[in-house]
Amino acid sequence: MNLFSRSSLLRRPEPRTEEPTAASTADGAAVLPDPRLAALTGEWMIDPAHSRIGFSVRHAMVTTVRGAFLEYESRLYFDGRDPARSSAEISLVTASVDTGVEQRDAHLIGRDFLDAGKHPRLSFASTAVQLIGKDVYRMTGDLTIRGITRPVTLDLTYIGYVTDPFGYERVGFDGTTTINRSDWGLTYNARLAEGGAMVSERLRLQFDIAAIRTPAAG
């Protein structure tokens, strides 16, 4: 199923002839895009077989539970000359969450947490991209969970580019951000005898992305 119909595809920006846009680091030093990345400009999509969109959260104050969403669709546009023109859309199937424990997964997609019956998808749509260091991009966007949309910011590190043995062009990025789950209505919790919470309010989101170039239309 193609979630993104022709009317909702990310639009490819018109070619520009200006010089690459410089970003600034925290100390004010200018950061220019690597000229070699200009060749990567174009549309991409995440390869689920070689990627992981996951999360981790502290459980019972002494351990960490990790999980991932196994089904999702994506549309990415990367501009190697002007990173600010890059963009991303990801839609995840709520019921595809997998933590390795069936009973826990059933609880997560139930009414106490993600409520997959009413909210079958989670989504992220970027609103801004900035180069903040060598191979490091800061992406701001809208994250929607349980019908609640709030802004989040994540830092993405460019891992590299390769053409695989089958002729597919692949590019890799790793990113992470931490959110407070209660901001998205995920307020269910249980208290421990020692006074702490069974599930931490802080939720770490992790993006291990291997993207494949999408052939140009026509």
N, C-alpha and C. Protein backbone atom coordinates (compact mmCIF):
# COMPACT_ATOMS: atom_id res chain seq x y z
N MET A 1 0.84 -1.18 0.00
CA MET A 1 0.00 0.00 0.00
C MET A 1 0.88 1.24 0.00
N ASN A 2 0.57 2.20 -0.87
CA ASN A 2 1.32 3.43 -0.92
C ASN A 2 0.60 4.49 -0.11
N LEU A 3 1.09 4.76 1.08
CA LEU A 3 0.44 5.74 1.95
C LEU A 3 0.44 7.11 1.32
N PHE A 4 1.53 7.48 0.68
CA PHE A 4 1.69 8.81 0.16
C PHE A 4 1.20 8.86 -1.29
N SER A 5 0.00 9.35 -1.48
CA SER A 5 -0.56 9.47 -2.82
C SER A 5 0.20 10.54 -3.59
N ARG A 6 -0.06 10.63 -4.90
CA ARG A 6 0.66 11.60 -5.70
C ARG A 6 0.50 13.01 -5.16
N SER A 7 -0.69 13.31 -4.62
CA SER A 7 -0.95 14.66 -4.12
C SER A 7 -0.20 14.96 -2.84
N SER A 8 0.26 13.92 -2.11
CA SER A 8 0.92 14.17 -0.83
C SER A 8 2.41 13.88 -0.86
N LEU A 9 2.96 13.54 -2.03
CA LEU A 9 4.39 13.30 -2.12
C LEU A 9 5.16 14.57 -1.81
N LEU A 10 6.32 14.40 -1.19
CA LEU A 10 7.16 15.56 -0.98
C LEU A 10 7.58 16.12 -2.32
N ARG A 11 7.45 17.41 -2.49
CA ARG A 11 7.80 18.02 -3.75
C ARG A 11 9.30 18.19 -3.86
N ARG A 12 9.86 17.83 -5.00
CA ARG A 12 11.29 18.02 -5.22
C ARG A 12 11.53 19.49 -5.52
N PRO A 13 12.38 20.15 -4.75
CA PRO A 13 12.63 21.57 -5.00
C PRO A 13 13.23 21.80 -6.37
N GLU A 14 12.96 22.98 -6.93
CA GLU A 14 13.54 23.35 -8.21
C GLU A 14 15.04 23.52 -8.07
N PRO A 15 15.81 23.18 -9.11
CA PRO A 15 17.27 23.35 -9.03
C PRO A 15 17.65 24.78 -8.71
N ARG A 16 18.73 24.95 -7.96
CA ARG A 16 19.22 26.27 -7.60
C ARG A 16 20.66 26.40 -8.02
N THR A 17 21.07 27.60 -8.27
CA THR A 17 22.45 27.83 -8.72
C THR A 17 23.27 28.57 -7.67
N GLU A 18 22.64 28.92 -6.55
CA GLU A 18 23.37 29.65 -5.53
C GLU A 18 24.45 28.79 -4.90
N GLU A 19 25.36 29.44 -4.20
CA GLU A 19 26.40 28.72 -3.48
C GLU A 19 25.78 27.94 -2.33
N PRO A 20 26.42 26.84 -1.90
CA PRO A 20 25.89 26.06 -0.78
C PRO A 20 25.70 26.94 0.45
N THR A 21 24.63 26.64 1.20
CA THR A 21 24.32 27.43 2.39
C THR A 21 25.22 27.00 3.55
N ALA A 22 25.81 27.96 4.22
CA ALA A 22 26.67 27.66 5.35
C ALA A 22 25.86 27.67 6.63
N ALA A 23 26.16 26.72 7.52
CA ALA A 23 25.55 26.69 8.85
C ALA A 23 26.60 27.15 9.84
N SER A 24 26.19 27.39 11.08
CA SER A 24 27.12 27.82 12.11
C SER A 24 27.08 26.88 13.28
N THR A 25 28.22 26.56 13.83
CA THR A 25 28.30 25.74 15.02
C THR A 25 28.06 26.62 16.24
N ALA A 26 28.05 25.98 17.41
CA ALA A 26 27.78 26.72 18.64
C ALA A 26 28.81 27.81 18.89
N ASP A 27 30.05 27.61 18.42
CA ASP A 27 31.08 28.62 18.65
C ASP A 27 31.15 29.64 17.52
N GLY A 28 30.17 29.58 16.60
CA GLY A 28 30.10 30.58 15.54
C GLY A 28 30.86 30.23 14.28
N ALA A 29 31.60 29.12 14.27
CA ALA A 29 32.36 28.73 13.09
C ALA A 29 31.41 28.27 11.98
N ALA A 30 31.73 28.64 10.75
CA ALA A 30 30.88 28.27 9.62
C ALA A 30 31.07 26.80 9.27
N VAL A 31 29.98 26.15 8.91
CA VAL A 31 30.02 24.74 8.47
C VAL A 31 29.41 24.67 7.09
N LEU A 32 30.19 24.24 6.11
CA LEU A 32 29.70 24.10 4.74
C LEU A 32 29.42 22.64 4.44
N PRO A 33 28.37 22.34 3.66
CA PRO A 33 28.11 20.94 3.27
C PRO A 33 29.29 20.37 2.51
N ASP A 34 29.54 19.11 2.69
CA ASP A 34 30.58 18.41 1.94
C ASP A 34 30.18 18.41 0.47
N PRO A 35 30.98 18.97 -0.44
CA PRO A 35 30.62 19.02 -1.86
C PRO A 35 30.31 17.65 -2.46
N ARG A 36 30.88 16.61 -1.90
CA ARG A 36 30.66 15.26 -2.44
C ARG A 36 29.22 14.79 -2.21
N LEU A 37 28.53 15.40 -1.25
CA LEU A 37 27.16 14.99 -0.96
C LEU A 37 26.16 15.55 -1.96
N ALA A 38 26.60 16.48 -2.81
CA ALA A 38 25.69 17.04 -3.81
C ALA A 38 25.13 15.94 -4.71
N ALA A 39 25.92 14.92 -4.97
CA ALA A 39 25.49 13.82 -5.84
C ALA A 39 24.36 13.00 -5.22
N LEU A 40 24.15 13.13 -3.92
CA LEU A 40 23.10 12.37 -3.24
C LEU A 40 21.76 13.09 -3.24
N THR A 41 21.72 14.29 -3.79
CA THR A 41 20.47 15.05 -3.82
C THR A 41 19.40 14.28 -4.59
N GLY A 42 18.23 14.12 -3.96
CA GLY A 42 17.14 13.41 -4.61
C GLY A 42 16.22 12.77 -3.59
N GLU A 43 15.29 11.97 -4.07
CA GLU A 43 14.31 11.31 -3.22
C GLU A 43 14.79 9.91 -2.82
N TRP A 44 14.50 9.55 -1.57
CA TRP A 44 14.92 8.28 -0.99
C TRP A 44 13.76 7.69 -0.19
N MET A 45 13.86 6.41 0.11
CA MET A 45 12.89 5.79 1.03
C MET A 45 13.63 4.82 1.94
N ILE A 46 13.13 4.71 3.17
CA ILE A 46 13.78 3.84 4.15
C ILE A 46 13.59 2.38 3.77
N ASP A 47 14.65 1.60 3.88
CA ASP A 47 14.62 0.16 3.63
C ASP A 47 14.37 -0.54 4.96
N PRO A 48 13.14 -1.03 5.20
CA PRO A 48 12.83 -1.64 6.51
C PRO A 48 13.69 -2.85 6.85
N ALA A 49 14.16 -3.56 5.82
CA ALA A 49 14.95 -4.76 6.07
C ALA A 49 16.31 -4.45 6.67
N HIS A 50 16.78 -3.21 6.51
CA HIS A 50 18.10 -2.85 7.00
C HIS A 50 18.07 -1.60 7.89
N SER A 51 16.89 -1.29 8.41
CA SER A 51 16.74 -0.11 9.26
C SER A 51 16.00 -0.50 10.54
N ARG A 52 16.05 0.41 11.51
CA ARG A 52 15.33 0.20 12.75
C ARG A 52 14.81 1.53 13.25
N ILE A 53 13.50 1.62 13.43
CA ILE A 53 12.89 2.78 14.07
C ILE A 53 12.37 2.29 15.41
N GLY A 54 13.09 2.63 16.45
CA GLY A 54 12.80 2.01 17.74
C GLY A 54 12.76 2.99 18.89
N PHE A 55 12.68 2.43 20.08
CA PHE A 55 12.60 3.23 21.29
C PHE A 55 13.18 2.44 22.45
N SER A 56 13.49 3.14 23.51
CA SER A 56 13.92 2.49 24.74
C SER A 56 13.40 3.31 25.91
N VAL A 57 13.05 2.61 27.01
CA VAL A 57 12.50 3.27 28.17
C VAL A 57 12.90 2.50 29.42
N ARG A 58 13.20 3.23 30.48
CA ARG A 58 13.58 2.58 31.73
C ARG A 58 12.35 1.94 32.36
N HIS A 59 12.52 0.67 32.80
CA HIS A 59 11.41 -0.11 33.36
C HIS A 59 11.74 -0.52 34.78
N ALA A 60 10.81 -0.30 35.69
CA ALA A 60 10.95 -0.69 37.09
C ALA A 60 12.21 -0.10 37.71
N MET A 61 12.70 1.00 37.14
CA MET A 61 13.83 1.76 37.68
C MET A 61 15.17 1.05 37.58
N VAL A 62 15.20 -0.21 37.15
CA VAL A 62 16.46 -0.95 37.19
C VAL A 62 16.83 -1.58 35.85
N THR A 63 15.97 -1.52 34.86
CA THR A 63 16.29 -2.14 33.58
C THR A 63 15.73 -1.28 32.45
N THR A 64 16.08 -1.63 31.21
CA THR A 64 15.62 -0.87 30.04
C THR A 64 14.91 -1.80 29.08
N VAL A 65 13.70 -1.41 28.68
CA VAL A 65 12.95 -2.15 27.67
C VAL A 65 13.18 -1.48 26.32
N ARG A 66 13.47 -2.29 25.31
CA ARG A 66 13.70 -1.78 23.95
C ARG A 66 12.69 -2.39 23.00
N GLY A 67 12.25 -1.59 22.06
CA GLY A 67 11.29 -2.08 21.09
C GLY A 67 11.45 -1.35 19.77
N ALA A 68 10.68 -1.77 18.76
CA ALA A 68 10.76 -1.15 17.44
C ALA A 68 9.43 -1.31 16.73
N PHE A 69 9.20 -0.47 15.73
CA PHE A 69 8.04 -0.60 14.86
C PHE A 69 8.48 -1.30 13.58
N LEU A 70 7.81 -2.39 13.26
CA LEU A 70 8.26 -3.24 12.15
C LEU A 70 7.65 -2.84 10.81
N GLU A 71 6.55 -2.08 10.83
CA GLU A 71 5.89 -1.70 9.58
C GLU A 71 5.77 -0.18 9.49
N TYR A 72 6.24 0.36 8.40
CA TYR A 72 6.14 1.81 8.20
C TYR A 72 6.39 2.14 6.73
N GLU A 73 6.03 3.35 6.38
CA GLU A 73 6.26 3.87 5.04
C GLU A 73 6.94 5.22 5.16
N SER A 74 7.71 5.58 4.15
CA SER A 74 8.50 6.79 4.26
C SER A 74 8.66 7.47 2.91
N ARG A 75 8.96 8.75 3.00
CA ARG A 75 9.35 9.52 1.84
C ARG A 75 10.37 10.54 2.32
N LEU A 76 11.57 10.49 1.75
CA LEU A 76 12.65 11.37 2.16
C LEU A 76 13.15 12.17 0.97
N TYR A 77 13.55 13.39 1.22
CA TYR A 77 14.24 14.19 0.20
C TYR A 77 15.49 14.75 0.84
N PHE A 78 16.64 14.44 0.24
CA PHE A 78 17.91 14.92 0.77
C PHE A 78 18.55 15.86 -0.25
N ASP A 79 18.93 17.04 0.22
CA ASP A 79 19.62 18.00 -0.63
C ASP A 79 21.04 18.15 -0.11
N GLY A 80 21.99 17.58 -0.84
CA GLY A 80 23.37 17.60 -0.40
C GLY A 80 24.04 18.95 -0.49
N ARG A 81 23.54 19.83 -1.37
CA ARG A 81 24.11 21.17 -1.49
C ARG A 81 23.53 22.13 -0.47
N ASP A 82 22.23 21.99 -0.20
CA ASP A 82 21.54 22.90 0.71
C ASP A 82 20.67 22.07 1.65
N PRO A 83 21.24 21.58 2.75
CA PRO A 83 20.50 20.69 3.66
C PRO A 83 19.18 21.25 4.16
N ALA A 84 19.05 22.58 4.20
CA ALA A 84 17.81 23.19 4.69
C ALA A 84 16.63 22.83 3.80
N ARG A 85 16.88 22.40 2.58
CA ARG A 85 15.81 22.02 1.66
C ARG A 85 15.46 20.54 1.77
N SER A 86 16.10 19.82 2.65
CA SER A 86 15.81 18.41 2.86
C SER A 86 14.52 18.26 3.66
N SER A 87 13.90 17.09 3.57
CA SER A 87 12.65 16.86 4.28
C SER A 87 12.40 15.38 4.45
N ALA A 88 11.47 15.04 5.35
CA ALA A 88 11.17 13.63 5.64
C ALA A 88 9.75 13.47 6.12
N GLU A 89 9.12 12.37 5.71
CA GLU A 89 7.81 11.96 6.22
C GLU A 89 7.88 10.46 6.52
N ILE A 90 7.43 10.08 7.70
CA ILE A 90 7.39 8.67 8.08
C ILE A 90 6.05 8.38 8.73
N SER A 91 5.42 7.29 8.34
CA SER A 91 4.16 6.85 8.95
C SER A 91 4.34 5.42 9.42
N LEU A 92 4.11 5.17 10.70
CA LEU A 92 4.33 3.86 11.31
C LEU A 92 3.01 3.22 11.68
N VAL A 93 2.92 1.91 11.48
CA VAL A 93 1.73 1.16 11.87
C VAL A 93 1.81 0.89 13.37
N THR A 94 0.88 1.43 14.13
CA THR A 94 0.92 1.34 15.59
C THR A 94 0.99 -0.10 16.08
N ALA A 95 0.18 -0.95 15.48
CA ALA A 95 0.09 -2.34 15.95
C ALA A 95 1.33 -3.17 15.61
N SER A 96 2.29 -2.59 14.89
CA SER A 96 3.48 -3.35 14.52
C SER A 96 4.58 -3.26 15.57
N VAL A 97 4.30 -2.64 16.72
CA VAL A 97 5.31 -2.51 17.76
C VAL A 97 5.74 -3.89 18.24
N ASP A 98 7.04 -4.04 18.48
CA ASP A 98 7.60 -5.33 18.88
C ASP A 98 8.69 -5.11 19.93
N THR A 99 8.46 -5.62 21.14
CA THR A 99 9.47 -5.56 22.20
C THR A 99 10.02 -6.94 22.53
N GLY A 100 9.55 -7.95 21.80
CA GLY A 100 10.02 -9.31 22.05
C GLY A 100 9.19 -10.07 23.06
N VAL A 101 8.19 -9.42 23.65
CA VAL A 101 7.31 -10.06 24.63
C VAL A 101 5.87 -9.82 24.18
N GLU A 102 5.17 -10.86 23.77
CA GLU A 102 3.84 -10.72 23.19
C GLU A 102 2.86 -10.04 24.14
N GLN A 103 2.87 -10.42 25.40
CA GLN A 103 1.93 -9.83 26.36
C GLN A 103 2.20 -8.33 26.53
N ARG A 104 3.45 -7.95 26.58
CA ARG A 104 3.80 -6.53 26.72
C ARG A 104 3.39 -5.76 25.46
N ASP A 105 3.60 -6.35 24.29
CA ASP A 105 3.21 -5.69 23.05
C ASP A 105 1.70 -5.44 23.02
N ALA A 106 0.93 -6.43 23.47
CA ALA A 106 -0.52 -6.28 23.50
C ALA A 106 -0.94 -5.13 24.42
N HIS A 107 -0.23 -4.99 25.54
CA HIS A 107 -0.52 -3.89 26.46
C HIS A 107 -0.18 -2.54 25.81
N LEU A 108 0.94 -2.48 25.10
CA LEU A 108 1.38 -1.23 24.49
C LEU A 108 0.41 -0.73 23.43
N ILE A 109 -0.19 -1.65 22.66
CA ILE A 109 -1.09 -1.19 21.59
C ILE A 109 -2.53 -1.05 22.09
N GLY A 110 -2.75 -1.34 23.37
CA GLY A 110 -4.08 -1.20 23.95
C GLY A 110 -4.36 0.22 24.40
N ARG A 111 -5.52 0.40 25.07
CA ARG A 111 -5.97 1.74 25.44
C ARG A 111 -5.06 2.43 26.45
N ASP A 112 -4.34 1.66 27.26
CA ASP A 112 -3.48 2.28 28.26
C ASP A 112 -2.35 3.09 27.64
N PHE A 113 -1.93 2.66 26.44
CA PHE A 113 -0.78 3.32 25.82
C PHE A 113 -1.14 3.85 24.42
N LEU A 114 -0.79 3.14 23.37
CA LEU A 114 -0.89 3.68 22.01
C LEU A 114 -2.30 3.64 21.42
N ASP A 115 -3.16 2.79 21.95
CA ASP A 115 -4.56 2.71 21.52
C ASP A 115 -4.66 2.56 20.00
N ALA A 116 -4.10 1.46 19.50
CA ALA A 116 -4.06 1.22 18.06
C ALA A 116 -5.44 1.14 17.43
N GLY A 117 -6.45 0.76 18.20
CA GLY A 117 -7.80 0.68 17.66
C GLY A 117 -8.30 2.03 17.16
N LYS A 118 -8.01 3.09 17.92
CA LYS A 118 -8.44 4.43 17.54
C LYS A 118 -7.38 5.18 16.74
N HIS A 119 -6.12 4.81 16.96
CA HIS A 119 -5.02 5.52 16.32
C HIS A 119 -4.10 4.50 15.64
N PRO A 120 -4.46 4.03 14.46
CA PRO A 120 -3.72 2.96 13.80
C PRO A 120 -2.33 3.35 13.32
N ARG A 121 -2.04 4.65 13.29
CA ARG A 121 -0.72 5.09 12.82
C ARG A 121 -0.13 6.18 13.70
N LEU A 122 1.19 6.19 13.76
CA LEU A 122 1.96 7.28 14.32
C LEU A 122 2.68 7.93 13.14
N SER A 123 3.04 9.19 13.26
CA SER A 123 3.70 9.82 12.12
C SER A 123 4.69 10.88 12.56
N PHE A 124 5.63 11.16 11.65
CA PHE A 124 6.59 12.24 11.82
C PHE A 124 6.73 12.95 10.49
N ALA A 125 6.67 14.28 10.51
CA ALA A 125 6.87 15.09 9.31
C ALA A 125 7.81 16.23 9.66
N SER A 126 8.91 16.32 8.95
CA SER A 126 9.90 17.35 9.25
C SER A 126 9.38 18.74 8.89
N THR A 127 9.87 19.73 9.61
CA THR A 127 9.54 21.12 9.32
C THR A 127 10.79 21.96 9.04
N ALA A 128 11.96 21.48 9.45
CA ALA A 128 13.20 22.21 9.20
C ALA A 128 14.39 21.26 9.35
N VAL A 129 15.44 21.52 8.56
CA VAL A 129 16.67 20.75 8.65
C VAL A 129 17.84 21.73 8.63
N GLN A 130 18.81 21.48 9.50
CA GLN A 130 19.97 22.37 9.61
C GLN A 130 21.24 21.55 9.75
N LEU A 131 22.28 21.94 9.04
CA LEU A 131 23.60 21.34 9.21
C LEU A 131 24.25 22.00 10.41
N ILE A 132 24.62 21.19 11.43
CA ILE A 132 25.16 21.78 12.65
C ILE A 132 26.60 21.36 12.91
N GLY A 133 27.14 20.50 12.09
CA GLY A 133 28.52 20.06 12.25
C GLY A 133 28.88 19.13 11.12
N LYS A 134 30.11 18.72 11.05
CA LYS A 134 30.53 17.81 9.99
C LYS A 134 29.71 16.53 10.07
N ASP A 135 28.94 16.25 9.03
CA ASP A 135 28.11 15.04 8.93
C ASP A 135 27.00 14.98 9.96
N VAL A 136 26.65 16.09 10.61
CA VAL A 136 25.59 16.09 11.61
C VAL A 136 24.50 17.08 11.21
N TYR A 137 23.25 16.60 11.17
CA TYR A 137 22.12 17.42 10.78
C TYR A 137 21.11 17.46 11.93
N ARG A 138 20.52 18.62 12.13
CA ARG A 138 19.47 18.75 13.15
C ARG A 138 18.13 18.88 12.43
N MET A 139 17.23 17.93 12.68
CA MET A 139 15.93 17.92 12.03
C MET A 139 14.84 18.20 13.06
N THR A 140 14.03 19.19 12.78
CA THR A 140 12.88 19.52 13.61
C THR A 140 11.62 19.09 12.86
N GLY A 141 10.65 18.56 13.59
CA GLY A 141 9.44 18.11 12.91
C GLY A 141 8.30 17.90 13.88
N ASP A 142 7.16 17.52 13.32
CA ASP A 142 5.96 17.26 14.10
C ASP A 142 5.76 15.76 14.29
N LEU A 143 5.72 15.34 15.54
CA LEU A 143 5.49 13.94 15.89
C LEU A 143 4.06 13.79 16.37
N THR A 144 3.32 12.86 15.76
CA THR A 144 1.93 12.64 16.12
C THR A 144 1.75 11.25 16.72
N ILE A 145 1.27 11.20 17.96
CA ILE A 145 0.98 9.96 18.67
C ILE A 145 -0.39 10.12 19.32
N ARG A 146 -1.25 9.12 19.17
CA ARG A 146 -2.59 9.16 19.75
C ARG A 146 -3.36 10.43 19.33
N GLY A 147 -3.10 10.90 18.12
CA GLY A 147 -3.79 12.07 17.61
C GLY A 147 -3.27 13.39 18.14
N ILE A 148 -2.23 13.35 18.96
CA ILE A 148 -1.63 14.56 19.51
C ILE A 148 -0.34 14.87 18.75
N THR A 149 -0.21 16.08 18.27
CA THR A 149 0.96 16.48 17.49
C THR A 149 1.76 17.51 18.26
N ARG A 150 3.05 17.22 18.44
CA ARG A 150 3.95 18.15 19.11
C ARG A 150 5.29 18.16 18.38
N PRO A 151 6.03 19.27 18.49
CA PRO A 151 7.33 19.35 17.82
C PRO A 151 8.40 18.56 18.56
N VAL A 152 9.32 17.98 17.80
CA VAL A 152 10.49 17.30 18.35
C VAL A 152 11.70 17.68 17.51
N THR A 153 12.86 17.54 18.10
CA THR A 153 14.11 17.80 17.39
C THR A 153 15.04 16.62 17.58
N LEU A 154 15.62 16.15 16.47
CA LEU A 154 16.57 15.05 16.58
C LEU A 154 17.80 15.37 15.77
N ASP A 155 18.94 14.87 16.23
CA ASP A 155 20.20 15.02 15.52
C ASP A 155 20.49 13.75 14.76
N LEU A 156 20.81 13.91 13.47
CA LEU A 156 21.09 12.79 12.59
C LEU A 156 22.54 12.85 12.12
N THR A 157 23.22 11.74 12.23
CA THR A 157 24.61 11.65 11.77
C THR A 157 24.67 10.89 10.46
N TYR A 158 25.29 11.49 9.46
CA TYR A 158 25.48 10.84 8.17
C TYR A 158 26.53 9.74 8.32
N ILE A 159 26.16 8.51 7.98
CA ILE A 159 27.07 7.37 8.13
C ILE A 159 27.88 7.11 6.87
N GLY A 160 27.22 7.16 5.72
CA GLY A 160 27.95 6.92 4.49
C GLY A 160 27.04 6.56 3.33
N TYR A 161 27.67 6.33 2.19
CA TYR A 161 26.95 6.05 0.95
C TYR A 161 27.62 4.88 0.25
N VAL A 162 26.80 4.03 -0.41
CA VAL A 162 27.36 2.89 -1.12
C VAL A 162 26.38 2.45 -2.21
N THR A 163 26.90 1.84 -3.27
CA THR A 163 26.07 1.15 -4.25
C THR A 163 26.22 -0.33 -3.98
N ASP A 164 25.12 -1.02 -3.63
CA ASP A 164 25.23 -2.42 -3.23
C ASP A 164 25.38 -3.33 -4.46
N PRO A 165 25.63 -4.63 -4.25
CA PRO A 165 25.86 -5.56 -5.36
C PRO A 165 24.68 -5.68 -6.32
N PHE A 166 23.49 -5.23 -5.90
CA PHE A 166 22.32 -5.31 -6.77
C PHE A 166 22.07 -4.01 -7.53
N GLY A 167 22.98 -3.05 -7.33
CA GLY A 167 22.87 -1.79 -8.05
C GLY A 167 22.07 -0.72 -7.35
N TYR A 168 21.60 -0.97 -6.12
CA TYR A 168 20.84 0.02 -5.39
C TYR A 168 21.78 1.02 -4.70
N GLU A 169 21.46 2.29 -4.81
CA GLU A 169 22.20 3.32 -4.09
C GLU A 169 21.64 3.41 -2.67
N ARG A 170 22.52 3.33 -1.69
CA ARG A 170 22.10 3.34 -0.30
C ARG A 170 22.84 4.43 0.47
N VAL A 171 22.13 5.06 1.40
CA VAL A 171 22.73 6.06 2.26
C VAL A 171 22.29 5.77 3.70
N GLY A 172 23.18 6.03 4.65
CA GLY A 172 22.87 5.70 6.04
C GLY A 172 22.92 6.91 6.96
N PHE A 173 21.96 6.95 7.91
CA PHE A 173 21.91 7.98 8.94
C PHE A 173 21.53 7.33 10.26
N ASP A 174 22.08 7.83 11.35
CA ASP A 174 21.68 7.43 12.70
C ASP A 174 21.21 8.67 13.44
N GLY A 175 20.10 8.52 14.18
CA GLY A 175 19.59 9.67 14.93
C GLY A 175 18.89 9.26 16.20
N THR A 176 18.75 10.21 17.11
CA THR A 176 18.07 9.92 18.37
C THR A 176 17.50 11.21 18.95
N THR A 177 16.46 11.06 19.76
CA THR A 177 15.91 12.16 20.53
C THR A 177 15.20 11.58 21.74
N THR A 178 14.99 12.38 22.75
CA THR A 178 14.30 11.93 23.97
C THR A 178 13.08 12.81 24.18
N ILE A 179 11.95 12.18 24.45
CA ILE A 179 10.71 12.91 24.67
C ILE A 179 10.11 12.51 26.03
N ASN A 180 9.16 13.32 26.48
CA ASN A 180 8.37 12.99 27.66
C ASN A 180 7.05 12.40 27.14
N ARG A 181 6.83 11.13 27.38
CA ARG A 181 5.68 10.44 26.77
C ARG A 181 4.34 11.04 27.20
N SER A 182 4.29 11.62 28.37
CA SER A 182 3.02 12.19 28.84
C SER A 182 2.59 13.37 27.99
N ASP A 183 3.52 14.01 27.29
CA ASP A 183 3.16 15.12 26.40
C ASP A 183 2.28 14.65 25.25
N TRP A 184 2.29 13.36 24.98
CA TRP A 184 1.47 12.78 23.91
C TRP A 184 0.33 11.93 24.48
N GLY A 185 -0.02 12.16 25.72
CA GLY A 185 -1.14 11.46 26.32
C GLY A 185 -0.83 10.06 26.80
N LEU A 186 0.44 9.68 26.83
CA LEU A 186 0.83 8.34 27.31
C LEU A 186 1.10 8.45 28.80
N THR A 187 0.05 8.55 29.57
CA THR A 187 0.19 8.85 30.99
C THR A 187 0.03 7.64 31.91
N TYR A 188 -0.33 6.49 31.33
CA TYR A 188 -0.54 5.30 32.19
C TYR A 188 0.75 4.96 32.94
N ASN A 189 0.60 4.58 34.19
CA ASN A 189 1.75 4.13 34.95
C ASN A 189 1.29 3.38 36.19
N ALA A 190 2.21 2.69 36.79
CA ALA A 190 1.97 2.00 38.06
C ALA A 190 3.11 2.37 38.99
N ARG A 191 2.83 2.45 40.27
CA ARG A 191 3.84 2.85 41.24
C ARG A 191 4.46 1.62 41.88
N LEU A 192 5.74 1.71 42.16
CA LEU A 192 6.45 0.63 42.84
C LEU A 192 6.37 0.83 44.35
N ALA A 193 6.58 -0.27 45.06
CA ALA A 193 6.52 -0.20 46.52
C ALA A 193 7.55 0.78 47.07
N GLU A 194 8.68 0.92 46.35
CA GLU A 194 9.74 1.82 46.79
C GLU A 194 9.43 3.27 46.48
N GLY A 195 8.32 3.50 45.77
CA GLY A 195 7.91 4.87 45.47
C GLY A 195 8.17 5.34 44.07
N GLY A 196 8.93 4.58 43.29
CA GLY A 196 9.23 4.98 41.92
C GLY A 196 8.16 4.54 40.94
N ALA A 197 8.33 4.91 39.68
CA ALA A 197 7.38 4.56 38.64
C ALA A 197 7.79 3.27 37.94
N MET A 198 6.81 2.46 37.53
CA MET A 198 7.09 1.24 36.79
C MET A 198 7.72 1.55 35.43
N VAL A 199 7.21 2.60 34.77
CA VAL A 199 7.71 2.99 33.45
C VAL A 199 8.13 4.45 33.49
N SER A 200 9.34 4.75 33.05
CA SER A 200 9.84 6.11 33.06
C SER A 200 9.02 7.02 32.14
N GLU A 201 8.93 8.28 32.51
CA GLU A 201 8.27 9.27 31.65
C GLU A 201 9.13 9.57 30.42
N ARG A 202 10.43 9.42 30.55
CA ARG A 202 11.35 9.74 29.45
C ARG A 202 11.47 8.56 28.50
N LEU A 203 11.24 8.84 27.24
CA LEU A 203 11.25 7.82 26.20
C LEU A 203 12.27 8.22 25.14
N ARG A 204 13.22 7.35 24.86
CA ARG A 204 14.23 7.65 23.86
C ARG A 204 13.83 7.03 22.53
N LEU A 205 13.79 7.85 21.48
CA LEU A 205 13.47 7.38 20.14
C LEU A 205 14.77 7.23 19.35
N GLN A 206 14.88 6.14 18.60
CA GLN A 206 16.12 5.84 17.88
C GLN A 206 15.82 5.54 16.42
N PHE A 207 16.61 6.17 15.54
CA PHE A 207 16.44 6.01 14.10
C PHE A 207 17.75 5.51 13.49
N ASP A 208 17.79 4.25 13.12
CA ASP A 208 18.93 3.67 12.42
C ASP A 208 18.48 3.46 10.98
N ILE A 209 18.85 4.39 10.11
CA ILE A 209 18.24 4.48 8.79
C ILE A 209 19.19 4.06 7.69
N ALA A 210 18.74 3.12 6.87
CA ALA A 210 19.38 2.80 5.59
C ALA A 210 18.34 3.11 4.52
N ALA A 211 18.61 4.11 3.70
CA ALA A 211 17.64 4.55 2.70
C ALA A 211 18.13 4.20 1.30
N ILE A 212 17.17 3.90 0.42
CA ILE A 212 17.45 3.56 -0.97
C ILE A 212 16.95 4.69 -1.85
N ARG A 213 17.75 5.05 -2.85
CA ARG A 213 17.33 6.13 -3.75
C ARG A 213 16.10 5.69 -4.54
N THR A 214 15.13 6.60 -4.65
CA THR A 214 13.92 6.34 -5.42
C THR A 214 14.16 6.77 -6.86
N PRO A 215 13.91 5.88 -7.83
CA PRO A 215 14.13 6.25 -9.24
C PRO A 215 13.31 7.47 -9.61
N ALA A 216 13.89 8.34 -10.41
CA ALA A 216 13.20 9.56 -10.83
C ALA A 216 11.97 9.18 -11.66
N ALA A 217 10.89 9.90 -11.44
CA ALA A 217 9.64 9.64 -12.18
C ALA A 217 9.83 9.96 -13.65
N GLY A 218 9.23 9.11 -14.51
CA GLY A 218 9.30 9.34 -15.93
C GLY A 218 10.61 8.93 -16.53
